[in-house]
Amino acid sequence: MTRIVIIGGGPGGYEAALVASQLGAEVTIVDRDGLGGAAVLTDCVPSKTLIATAEVMTTFDSSYEELGIVVRDDVSGAAPADRFISVDLGKVNRRVKRLAVAQSHDITQSVTRAGVTVVRGHGRLEGGQALDGSRAVIVDLVDGGAEELRADVVLLATGTHPRELPDAKPDGERILTWTQVYNLEELPEELIVVGSGVTGAEFAGAYQALGSKVTLVSSRDRVLPGEDPDAATVLEDVFRRRGMNVMSRSRAESVRRVGDKVEVTLSDGRVITGSHCLMAVGSIPNSEGLGLEAASVKTSDSGHIKVDRVSRTSAPGVYAAGDVTGVLPLASVAAMQGRIAMYHALGDAVAPLNLKTVSSNVFTDPEIATVGYSAADVECGKMDAVCVKLPLRSNPRAKMQGIRDGFVKLFCRPGTGIVVGGVVVAPRASELIHPISLAVDLNLTVEQVANAFTVYPSVSGSIAEAARQLHVRKRSGQHN
C-alpha cells in the first residue's frame, strides 16, 4: 500500500486526500490550523459570506425605488433620504466565523470517514529519499513533541499568507489584513483599502455596500489590472457612482495609527486619514520551514514551489498544489492540482492541468466572471479570435430586475467558430459563466451555443444572443 503524507489541509490537500484514499492509498494529512485551510477559515468562505450580506444591501439600495417597493420608516421625523437599512457587523462576523468553522468540521468528517488520518502540527521534509524510495516527514505536533512519518509520496499544499509592508504593520484593530477583518464588532466609519487587485476590490465594494465610507488606493491606472479592461472599467464606474473614492496611480508608502485613526502616506507625500485601513497588497507563499532545500525541491525567486502540469516538483516523489505553487490562486485550481498529483502518483489516468479551461470570478457587485482566452491574449496575438460584446441593458430580464451595469463578451475562432473564451459582468456572473466554460472545455462552436434553448426571459439569453451574432461575424473576422 502506498503511503502518502500531505502537508497542508486546504483545498489542494483535502481534495487530494479524498482521491488518494479512494484509490487505496494510506493517507495522512498534517495540518496546523484546521482542515479547509485559508480558503475555508480566513479567505474564500468568510469573505464570500460577508459579501453575501453586502450583496443584499446593494441590491435593495440600488433598485427598490425602481421596482416599486415602498418602505415606511417607523422613525418619526426621519428625512426621506436617510438610509433606512443598516448592518450589525458584529452579528455578520459571528455568522461568518460560525460558517467557516462548520465547513472545516464538515471537511474533517468527510476525510476521516474516507479513512484519512489527520495529524495536528507543522510538517517538514527531512533530507532525501531512503533506499526504498520513501521519505521522512517530521511533524512538530501542536500539543508538543514531534513525530516521524514515512511516506512514499509527499504532497505540499501549504498555501500563502498576507504580504505586509515594512512601514504598514497590521495591529489587528485599526490596520488589518484580510484575515483579521472578521474580528471587527463595529462597521468602520472610514475604511481605506490599499490594493486594487481582486481582494482589495472585493472588500472595498463589500464595505461600501455595508455602509462604510471607502477610499480605494490603487497603484495602477485602474482597479483590477489583471482583469478584462472593459469589465474593470464598468466596476470602477460603479464604485465611483456609489460614492467610493478611487485613487488611481497612488502608491501607499506607510500606514500608521494615530489614536483612533489611521494615516496612510502616499509616495507623492499626500496623507489620507480614515478610521481603519485594510492592507490587500498580495500574498507570500508558505514555503519556508518545509525542508525544501535539503529535499532538493526547487523554488522560484518569489518563494513559490516550482511544479509541472501534473504537480510534480523537482524532487522525486514530492508533489505540490495550491497557492504555494503560484500557478493560479484559486481554490478550484488548488483542488485540481491536488487531485492530478494523486492520480499521477498512484498510476491512474490523468490529464495535465489546462489553465485555459479554468473559470474564475471576482465577487464584487456586479461580479466579473472569466474563462479561456482574454482580450489581452487576442490583442497580443496569442490567440486569433473574433469578439462580440452585448450590454445587459438590452436584456429583458435585466431590465425587469433593475440591472443597468454589465455585459456578456464572447470570443471565438474565425472560420471554425469554436468558442475560446468569455467574460460575464453581471449579478451572479459566477453562475452565468458555466455554459461558456462548458463551451470552452468541449470546443463547442458558436452555432452549438446559439442553438441550445435558453429560458425567456433570462440573463443567460444574452450568451445565446452573443453566440448568434458571432455566427455571422466569424466569417469576416469582424470585431466588435
Protein backbone atom coordinates (compact mmCIF):
# COMPACT_ATOMS: atom_id res chain seq x y z
CA MET A 1 0.00 0.00 0.00
CA THR A 2 1.35 3.42 -0.99
CA ARG A 3 1.93 5.72 1.98
CA ILE A 4 1.04 9.34 1.23
CA VAL A 5 1.68 12.29 3.52
CA ILE A 6 0.01 15.59 2.68
CA ILE A 7 1.32 18.73 4.37
CA GLY A 8 -1.49 21.30 4.43
CA GLY A 9 -5.23 20.74 4.71
CA GLY A 10 -6.61 23.34 2.31
CA PRO A 11 -8.44 22.53 -0.96
CA GLY A 12 -5.26 21.18 -2.55
CA GLY A 13 -4.60 18.94 0.44
CA TYR A 14 -8.00 17.59 1.46
CA GLU A 15 -9.22 17.01 -2.10
CA ALA A 16 -6.02 15.09 -2.82
CA ALA A 17 -6.53 13.05 0.36
CA LEU A 18 -10.02 12.01 -0.70
CA VAL A 19 -8.81 10.90 -4.14
CA ALA A 20 -5.80 9.01 -2.77
CA SER A 21 -7.92 7.24 -0.19
CA GLN A 22 -10.43 6.19 -2.84
CA LEU A 23 -7.55 4.78 -4.90
CA GLY A 24 -6.43 2.62 -1.96
CA ALA A 25 -3.52 4.58 -0.53
CA GLU A 26 -2.72 5.03 3.15
CA VAL A 27 -3.14 8.78 3.63
CA THR A 28 -2.11 11.17 6.41
CA ILE A 29 -2.82 14.90 6.39
CA VAL A 30 -0.59 17.13 8.51
CA ASP A 31 -2.40 20.37 9.30
CA ARG A 32 -1.98 23.01 11.96
CA ASP A 33 -4.98 25.34 11.83
CA GLY A 34 -7.94 23.19 10.72
CA LEU A 35 -8.93 21.42 7.52
CA GLY A 36 -10.11 23.69 4.76
CA GLY A 37 -7.09 25.94 5.13
CA ALA A 38 -7.20 29.66 4.42
CA ALA A 39 -9.87 29.11 1.74
CA VAL A 40 -12.35 27.98 4.40
CA LEU A 41 -11.11 29.66 7.57
CA THR A 42 -9.84 33.11 6.53
CA ASP A 43 -10.37 33.66 2.80
CA CYS A 44 -12.99 32.34 0.36
CA VAL A 45 -15.73 31.13 2.72
CA PRO A 46 -15.55 34.07 5.18
CA SER A 47 -15.17 36.78 2.55
CA LYS A 48 -17.97 35.46 0.36
CA THR A 49 -20.22 35.13 3.42
CA LEU A 50 -19.57 38.78 4.25
CA ILE A 51 -20.12 39.71 0.61
CA ALA A 52 -23.47 37.86 0.65
CA THR A 53 -24.74 40.36 3.22
CA ALA A 54 -23.30 43.27 1.23
CA GLU A 55 -24.95 41.93 -1.92
CA VAL A 56 -28.40 42.03 -0.33
CA MET A 57 -27.77 45.59 0.86
CA THR A 58 -26.61 46.74 -2.58
CA THR A 59 -29.41 45.04 -4.48
CA PHE A 60 -32.04 46.61 -2.25
CA ASP A 61 -30.46 50.05 -2.08
CA SER A 62 -29.96 50.33 -5.83
CA SER A 63 -33.28 49.02 -7.10
CA TYR A 64 -36.09 49.22 -4.54
CA GLU A 65 -37.45 52.52 -5.85
CA GLU A 66 -37.34 51.42 -9.49
CA LEU A 67 -39.06 48.14 -8.63
CA GLY A 68 -41.87 49.99 -6.87
CA ILE A 69 -41.05 48.86 -3.32
CA VAL A 70 -42.34 51.25 -0.66
CA VAL A 71 -40.52 51.34 2.66
CA ARG A 72 -42.24 53.01 5.57
CA ASP A 73 -39.76 54.29 8.14
CA ASP A 74 -41.08 53.98 11.70
CA VAL A 75 -38.68 56.63 12.99
CA SER A 76 -40.63 59.87 13.29
CA GLY A 77 -39.06 62.88 11.70
CA ALA A 78 -36.61 60.87 9.60
CA ALA A 79 -35.62 62.57 6.37
CA PRO A 80 -36.67 60.72 3.20
CA ALA A 81 -33.05 60.47 2.07
CA ASP A 82 -31.90 58.82 5.32
CA ARG A 83 -30.61 55.27 4.96
CA PHE A 84 -33.29 53.08 6.49
CA ILE A 85 -31.39 49.78 6.50
CA SER A 86 -28.12 49.17 8.28
CA VAL A 87 -25.91 46.32 9.30
CA ASP A 88 -24.80 44.83 12.63
CA LEU A 89 -21.21 43.97 11.66
CA GLY A 90 -20.59 42.06 14.89
CA LYS A 91 -23.52 39.79 14.10
CA VAL A 92 -22.41 39.42 10.48
CA ASN A 93 -18.87 38.46 11.53
CA ARG A 94 -20.09 35.99 14.14
CA ARG A 95 -22.08 34.29 11.37
CA VAL A 96 -19.01 34.39 9.10
CA LYS A 97 -16.82 32.63 11.67
CA ARG A 98 -19.54 30.16 12.60
CA LEU A 99 -19.99 29.08 8.98
CA ALA A 100 -16.22 28.81 8.46
CA VAL A 101 -15.80 26.55 11.49
CA ALA A 102 -18.79 24.45 10.43
CA GLN A 103 -17.37 23.99 6.93
CA SER A 104 -13.99 22.99 8.36
CA HIS A 105 -15.74 20.46 10.62
CA ASP A 106 -17.65 19.00 7.67
CA ILE A 107 -14.41 18.58 5.70
CA THR A 108 -12.73 16.89 8.68
CA GLN A 109 -15.62 14.45 8.99
CA SER A 110 -15.52 13.74 5.26
CA VAL A 111 -11.81 12.87 5.13
CA THR A 112 -11.97 10.92 8.40
CA ARG A 113 -14.84 8.81 7.08
CA ALA A 114 -12.70 8.14 3.98
CA GLY A 115 -10.05 6.60 6.22
CA VAL A 116 -7.60 9.51 6.22
CA THR A 117 -5.51 10.13 9.35
CA VAL A 118 -5.30 13.78 10.45
CA VAL A 119 -2.28 14.90 12.48
CA ARG A 120 -2.28 18.36 14.06
CA GLY A 121 1.09 20.02 13.63
CA HIS A 122 3.67 21.55 11.29
CA GLY A 123 5.27 19.12 8.83
CA ARG A 124 8.61 19.34 7.05
CA LEU A 125 10.67 17.14 4.77
CA GLU A 126 13.71 15.53 6.33
CA GLY A 127 16.54 15.05 3.83
CA GLY A 128 16.30 12.98 0.67
CA GLN A 129 14.97 9.55 -0.23
CA ALA A 130 15.80 6.32 1.57
CA LEU A 131 16.95 3.25 -0.36
CA ASP A 132 13.35 2.09 -0.74
CA GLY A 133 12.37 5.48 -2.24
CA SER A 134 10.47 6.66 0.84
CA ARG A 135 10.95 9.94 2.64
CA ALA A 136 10.77 11.06 6.25
CA VAL A 137 8.32 13.80 7.22
CA ILE A 138 8.91 15.29 10.67
CA VAL A 139 5.83 16.74 12.37
CA ASP A 140 6.15 19.25 15.19
CA LEU A 141 2.91 18.48 16.98
CA VAL A 142 0.57 21.23 18.16
CA ASP A 143 0.37 19.61 21.61
CA GLY A 144 4.17 19.39 21.87
CA GLY A 145 6.75 16.87 20.81
CA ALA A 146 7.47 15.53 17.36
CA GLU A 147 6.50 12.54 15.23
CA GLU A 148 8.20 10.98 12.22
CA LEU A 149 6.07 9.77 9.30
CA ARG A 150 7.35 7.63 6.42
CA ALA A 151 5.98 8.48 3.01
CA ASP A 152 6.30 7.03 -0.47
CA VAL A 153 4.71 10.22 -1.83
CA VAL A 154 4.56 13.68 -0.27
CA LEU A 155 2.20 16.48 -1.35
CA LEU A 156 2.99 20.04 -0.25
CA ALA A 157 -0.14 22.20 -0.07
CA THR A 158 0.73 24.85 2.49
CA GLY A 159 -0.86 27.92 0.87
CA THR A 160 0.11 31.56 1.43
CA HIS A 161 -0.20 34.34 3.99
CA PRO A 162 -0.88 38.07 3.55
CA ARG A 163 2.05 40.20 2.44
CA GLU A 164 2.97 43.00 4.82
CA LEU A 165 4.71 46.27 4.01
CA PRO A 166 7.63 47.20 6.31
CA ASP A 167 6.02 50.55 7.18
CA ALA A 168 2.44 49.29 7.43
CA LYS A 169 2.44 46.60 10.09
CA PRO A 170 -1.08 45.29 10.88
CA ASP A 171 -2.20 45.56 14.51
CA GLY A 172 -5.46 43.63 14.15
CA GLU A 173 -7.50 46.61 15.34
CA ARG A 174 -7.13 49.57 13.01
CA ILE A 175 -4.57 48.33 10.48
CA LEU A 176 -5.81 45.00 9.18
CA THR A 177 -5.09 42.16 6.80
CA TRP A 178 -7.97 40.31 5.15
CA THR A 179 -7.62 37.53 7.74
CA GLN A 180 -8.26 39.98 10.61
CA VAL A 181 -11.36 41.87 9.48
CA TYR A 182 -13.72 39.23 10.89
CA ASN A 183 -12.89 40.29 14.45
CA LEU A 184 -14.45 43.73 13.96
CA GLU A 185 -17.55 44.34 16.05
CA GLU A 186 -18.46 47.71 14.55
CA LEU A 187 -18.55 48.88 10.95
CA PRO A 188 -15.51 51.02 10.01
CA GLU A 189 -16.67 54.59 9.58
CA GLU A 190 -13.96 55.45 7.05
CA LEU A 191 -12.14 52.48 5.54
CA ILE A 192 -9.01 52.90 3.44
CA VAL A 193 -8.28 49.84 1.27
CA VAL A 194 -4.70 49.64 -0.01
CA GLY A 195 -4.50 47.45 -3.11
CA SER A 196 -6.92 47.23 -6.04
CA GLY A 197 -6.49 43.61 -7.05
CA VAL A 198 -9.22 41.03 -6.54
CA THR A 199 -9.03 41.02 -2.72
CA GLY A 200 -8.93 44.80 -2.43
CA ALA A 201 -11.78 45.34 -4.89
CA GLU A 202 -13.99 42.71 -3.23
CA PHE A 203 -13.58 44.13 0.27
CA ALA A 204 -13.83 47.75 -0.89
CA GLY A 205 -17.13 47.02 -2.64
CA ALA A 206 -18.45 44.96 0.27
CA TYR A 207 -17.73 47.52 2.99
CA GLN A 208 -19.08 50.34 0.87
CA ALA A 209 -22.33 48.38 0.49
CA LEU A 210 -22.42 47.71 4.23
CA GLY A 211 -22.27 51.45 4.92
CA SER A 212 -18.60 52.42 5.29
CA LYS A 213 -17.12 55.42 3.55
CA VAL A 214 -14.43 53.76 1.42
CA THR A 215 -11.24 55.03 -0.20
CA LEU A 216 -9.53 52.57 -2.56
CA VAL A 217 -5.82 53.24 -3.10
CA SER A 218 -4.62 51.78 -6.41
CA SER A 219 -1.04 51.96 -7.64
CA ARG A 220 -2.21 51.13 -11.17
CA ASP A 221 -4.20 53.06 -13.78
CA ARG A 222 -7.39 51.21 -12.89
CA VAL A 223 -8.86 48.74 -10.44
CA LEU A 224 -8.42 45.03 -11.21
CA PRO A 225 -5.45 45.49 -13.57
CA GLY A 226 -5.35 41.76 -14.25
CA GLU A 227 -8.96 41.50 -15.42
CA ASP A 228 -10.72 42.29 -18.70
CA PRO A 229 -10.31 46.07 -19.28
CA ASP A 230 -13.99 46.58 -20.19
CA ALA A 231 -15.06 44.71 -17.06
CA ALA A 232 -12.70 46.70 -14.84
CA THR A 233 -13.99 49.95 -16.32
CA VAL A 234 -17.60 49.01 -15.55
CA LEU A 235 -16.72 48.15 -11.97
CA GLU A 236 -14.71 51.30 -11.37
CA ASP A 237 -17.55 53.41 -12.78
CA VAL A 238 -19.99 51.64 -10.44
CA PHE A 239 -17.67 52.16 -7.47
CA ARG A 240 -17.37 55.88 -8.17
CA ARG A 241 -21.10 56.30 -8.82
CA ARG A 242 -21.86 54.73 -5.45
CA GLY A 243 -19.59 57.20 -3.70
CA MET A 244 -16.28 55.38 -3.40
CA ASN A 245 -13.13 57.48 -3.60
CA VAL A 246 -10.96 55.55 -6.09
CA MET A 247 -7.40 56.91 -6.12
CA SER A 248 -5.62 55.63 -9.23
CA ARG A 249 -1.85 55.77 -9.74
CA SER A 250 -1.39 56.26 -5.99
CA ARG A 251 1.12 54.10 -4.09
CA ALA A 252 0.96 53.75 -0.31
CA GLU A 253 4.36 54.16 1.36
CA SER A 254 3.38 53.81 5.00
CA VAL A 255 0.41 53.36 7.32
CA ARG A 256 0.44 54.38 10.96
CA ARG A 257 -2.09 54.51 13.74
CA VAL A 258 -2.79 57.87 15.35
CA GLY A 259 -5.14 57.35 18.29
CA ASP A 260 -8.43 56.05 16.93
CA LYS A 261 -7.47 57.00 13.36
CA VAL A 262 -5.03 55.75 10.74
CA GLU A 263 -2.87 57.82 8.41
CA VAL A 264 -1.84 56.48 5.02
CA THR A 265 1.08 58.33 3.46
CA LEU A 266 1.34 58.09 -0.33
CA SER A 267 4.55 58.12 -2.36
CA ASP A 268 3.80 61.67 -3.56
CA GLY A 269 3.57 62.95 0.02
CA ARG A 270 -0.21 63.12 0.32
CA VAL A 271 -1.73 61.81 3.55
CA ILE A 272 -5.15 60.12 3.75
CA THR A 273 -6.91 59.74 7.09
CA GLY A 274 -9.50 57.14 7.99
CA SER A 275 -10.79 55.09 10.90
CA HIS A 276 -9.39 51.77 9.59
CA CYS A 277 -7.03 50.54 6.88
CA LEU A 278 -7.21 47.19 5.11
CA MET A 279 -3.96 46.04 3.53
CA ALA A 280 -4.54 43.96 0.37
CA VAL A 281 -1.11 44.02 -1.22
CA GLY A 282 -0.64 40.42 -2.22
CA SER A 283 0.46 37.22 -0.52
CA ILE A 284 3.61 35.29 0.36
CA PRO A 285 3.95 31.51 -0.18
CA ASN A 286 4.24 29.37 2.94
CA SER A 287 7.35 27.61 1.68
CA GLU A 288 9.79 28.35 4.49
CA GLY A 289 10.46 25.72 7.12
CA LEU A 290 9.41 22.83 4.87
CA GLY A 291 12.91 21.40 4.37
CA LEU A 292 12.77 22.12 0.64
CA GLU A 293 16.46 22.73 0.08
CA ALA A 294 17.52 19.55 1.86
CA ALA A 295 14.99 17.60 -0.20
CA SER A 296 16.14 19.25 -3.48
CA VAL A 297 12.76 20.89 -4.10
CA LYS A 298 13.29 23.97 -6.29
CA THR A 299 11.50 27.28 -5.72
CA SER A 300 11.17 30.46 -7.77
CA ASP A 301 12.65 33.82 -6.75
CA SER A 302 9.31 34.64 -5.10
CA GLY A 303 9.49 31.50 -2.96
CA HIS A 304 6.80 29.56 -4.83
CA ILE A 305 7.40 25.84 -5.32
CA LYS A 306 8.05 25.02 -8.98
CA VAL A 307 5.75 22.33 -10.43
CA ASP A 308 4.90 20.89 -13.83
CA ARG A 309 1.40 20.34 -15.21
CA VAL A 310 0.93 17.13 -13.21
CA SER A 311 2.02 18.84 -9.96
CA ARG A 312 5.49 17.26 -9.75
CA THR A 313 8.29 19.21 -8.08
CA SER A 314 11.98 18.80 -8.89
CA ALA A 315 12.32 16.09 -6.20
CA PRO A 316 11.18 12.51 -6.96
CA GLY A 317 8.04 11.55 -5.10
CA VAL A 318 7.32 15.12 -3.98
CA TYR A 319 4.35 16.98 -5.44
CA ALA A 320 2.89 20.41 -4.66
CA ALA A 321 -0.53 22.00 -5.12
CA GLY A 322 -2.35 25.24 -4.49
CA ASP A 323 -1.28 28.81 -3.86
CA VAL A 324 2.19 27.78 -2.66
CA THR A 325 2.94 26.87 -6.29
CA GLY A 326 1.92 30.30 -7.63
CA VAL A 327 0.19 28.69 -10.63
CA LEU A 328 -3.20 30.39 -10.20
CA PRO A 329 -4.52 31.42 -6.75
CA LEU A 330 -7.94 29.78 -6.92
CA ALA A 331 -9.38 27.11 -4.64
CA SER A 332 -10.67 25.23 -7.69
CA VAL A 333 -7.18 25.14 -9.22
CA ALA A 334 -5.62 24.03 -5.92
CA ALA A 335 -8.12 21.17 -5.67
CA MET A 336 -7.47 20.13 -9.28
CA GLN A 337 -3.70 20.25 -8.78
CA GLY A 338 -4.05 18.05 -5.70
CA ARG A 339 -6.25 15.51 -7.48
CA ILE A 340 -3.95 15.43 -10.52
CA ALA A 341 -0.96 14.83 -8.22
CA MET A 342 -2.62 11.80 -6.67
CA TYR A 343 -3.81 10.37 -9.99
CA HIS A 344 -0.26 10.66 -11.33
CA ALA A 345 1.49 9.34 -8.21
CA LEU A 346 -0.83 6.33 -7.97
CA GLY A 347 -0.69 5.44 -11.66
CA ASP A 348 -4.26 6.37 -12.54
CA ALA A 349 -5.35 8.05 -15.77
CA VAL A 350 -4.56 11.75 -15.60
CA ALA A 351 -4.95 14.82 -17.80
CA PRO A 352 -2.38 17.60 -17.25
CA LEU A 353 -3.66 20.89 -15.84
CA ASN A 354 -5.08 23.16 -18.54
CA LEU A 355 -5.42 26.71 -17.25
CA LYS A 356 -7.35 27.82 -20.35
CA THR A 357 -10.40 25.89 -19.14
CA VAL A 358 -10.37 27.46 -15.66
CA SER A 359 -13.26 29.78 -14.86
CA SER A 360 -12.74 32.45 -12.22
CA ASN A 361 -14.87 35.10 -10.57
CA VAL A 362 -14.41 38.42 -8.81
CA PHE A 363 -17.12 38.68 -6.14
CA THR A 364 -17.83 42.38 -6.46
CA ASP A 365 -21.18 43.92 -7.40
CA PRO A 366 -21.52 43.39 -10.31
CA GLU A 367 -19.47 40.20 -10.37
CA ILE A 368 -16.85 39.61 -13.05
CA ALA A 369 -16.51 36.04 -14.35
CA THR A 370 -14.00 34.92 -16.97
CA VAL A 371 -12.89 31.75 -18.73
CA GLY A 372 -10.49 30.87 -21.52
CA TYR A 373 -8.55 33.31 -23.67
CA SER A 374 -8.84 37.00 -22.87
CA ALA A 375 -8.91 40.31 -24.72
CA ALA A 376 -5.22 40.72 -23.84
CA ASP A 377 -4.45 37.35 -25.46
CA VAL A 378 -6.20 38.45 -28.65
CA GLU A 379 -4.55 41.87 -28.66
CA CYS A 380 -1.02 40.50 -28.30
CA GLY A 381 -1.59 37.84 -30.97
CA LYS A 382 -1.55 34.85 -28.65
CA MET A 383 -4.98 33.85 -29.97
CA ASP A 384 -6.66 34.82 -33.24
CA ALA A 385 -10.29 35.38 -32.28
CA VAL A 386 -13.41 37.33 -33.13
CA CYS A 387 -15.19 39.09 -30.28
CA VAL A 388 -18.67 40.40 -29.60
CA LYS A 389 -19.87 42.27 -26.50
CA LEU A 390 -23.54 42.72 -25.57
CA PRO A 391 -24.52 45.21 -22.84
CA LEU A 392 -27.03 43.81 -20.35
CA ARG A 393 -29.14 46.95 -20.51
CA SER A 394 -30.78 45.48 -23.64
CA ASN A 395 -31.60 42.18 -21.91
CA PRO A 396 -35.31 41.97 -20.93
CA ARG A 397 -34.72 40.08 -17.66
CA ALA A 398 -32.03 42.56 -16.66
CA LYS A 399 -34.49 45.41 -17.27
CA MET A 400 -37.10 43.68 -15.09
CA GLN A 401 -34.59 43.27 -12.26
CA GLY A 402 -33.31 46.83 -12.47
CA ILE A 403 -29.86 45.76 -13.70
CA ARG A 404 -28.15 48.56 -15.60
CA ASP A 405 -24.46 47.64 -15.48
CA GLY A 406 -22.70 44.72 -17.11
CA PHE A 407 -22.27 42.81 -20.33
CA VAL A 408 -21.60 39.43 -21.94
CA LYS A 409 -18.49 39.06 -24.10
CA LEU A 410 -17.63 36.01 -26.21
CA PHE A 411 -14.50 35.11 -28.18
CA CYS A 412 -14.46 32.54 -31.00
CA ARG A 413 -12.03 31.40 -33.68
CA PRO A 414 -12.67 32.92 -37.12
CA GLY A 415 -13.77 30.32 -39.62
CA THR A 416 -14.46 27.42 -37.25
CA GLY A 417 -16.48 29.44 -34.72
CA ILE A 418 -15.08 27.43 -31.79
CA VAL A 419 -15.62 29.31 -28.52
CA VAL A 420 -12.27 30.07 -26.87
CA GLY A 421 -13.18 32.50 -24.11
CA GLY A 422 -15.76 34.68 -22.47
CA VAL A 423 -16.45 37.36 -19.88
CA VAL A 424 -19.66 38.00 -17.96
CA VAL A 425 -20.17 41.14 -15.88
CA ALA A 426 -23.47 40.85 -14.01
CA PRO A 427 -25.06 39.98 -10.70
CA ARG A 428 -24.28 36.27 -10.10
CA ALA A 429 -21.88 36.17 -13.04
CA SER A 430 -20.27 33.24 -11.23
CA GLU A 431 -23.39 31.20 -12.10
CA LEU A 432 -23.74 32.56 -15.64
CA ILE A 433 -20.18 31.71 -16.74
CA HIS A 434 -20.79 27.95 -16.60
CA PRO A 435 -22.29 27.49 -20.11
CA ILE A 436 -19.34 29.41 -21.56
CA SER A 437 -16.96 27.24 -19.51
CA LEU A 438 -18.58 24.14 -20.98
CA ALA A 439 -18.27 25.56 -24.49
CA VAL A 440 -14.55 26.31 -23.98
CA ASP A 441 -13.82 22.95 -22.37
CA LEU A 442 -15.69 20.93 -25.00
CA ASN A 443 -14.63 23.02 -28.04
CA LEU A 444 -18.22 23.90 -28.86
CA THR A 445 -18.94 26.26 -31.74
CA VAL A 446 -20.98 29.43 -31.55
CA GLU A 447 -23.63 27.66 -33.63
CA GLN A 448 -23.98 24.96 -30.99
CA VAL A 449 -24.21 27.53 -28.19
CA ALA A 450 -26.71 29.62 -30.14
CA ASN A 451 -28.91 26.62 -30.99
CA ALA A 452 -29.29 25.49 -27.37
CA PHE A 453 -32.58 26.71 -25.89
CA THR A 454 -32.49 29.39 -23.21
CA VAL A 455 -35.32 30.45 -20.94
CA TYR A 456 -37.15 33.63 -21.91
CA PRO A 457 -36.69 36.00 -20.25
CA SER A 458 -33.29 35.24 -18.72
CA VAL A 459 -29.94 36.95 -18.38
CA SER A 460 -28.34 33.83 -19.86
CA GLY A 461 -30.25 34.63 -23.05
CA SER A 462 -27.56 37.23 -23.75
CA ILE A 463 -25.00 34.44 -24.02
CA ALA A 464 -27.01 32.77 -26.79
CA GLU A 465 -27.56 36.14 -28.47
CA ALA A 466 -23.82 36.88 -28.43
CA ALA A 467 -23.21 33.46 -29.99
CA ARG A 468 -25.76 34.23 -32.72
CA GLN A 469 -24.02 37.49 -33.53
CA LEU A 470 -20.65 35.75 -33.64
CA HIS A 471 -22.07 33.19 -36.08
CA VAL A 472 -22.17 36.00 -38.65
CA ARG A 473 -19.03 37.88 -37.61
CA LYS A 474 -16.71 34.88 -37.54
CA ARG A 475 -16.86 34.64 -41.33
CA SER A 476 -15.25 38.01 -41.91
CA GLY A 477 -13.14 38.23 -38.76
CA GLN A 478 -15.07 41.39 -37.86
CA HIS A 479 -14.52 42.62 -34.30
CA ASN A 480 -16.97 44.49 -32.15
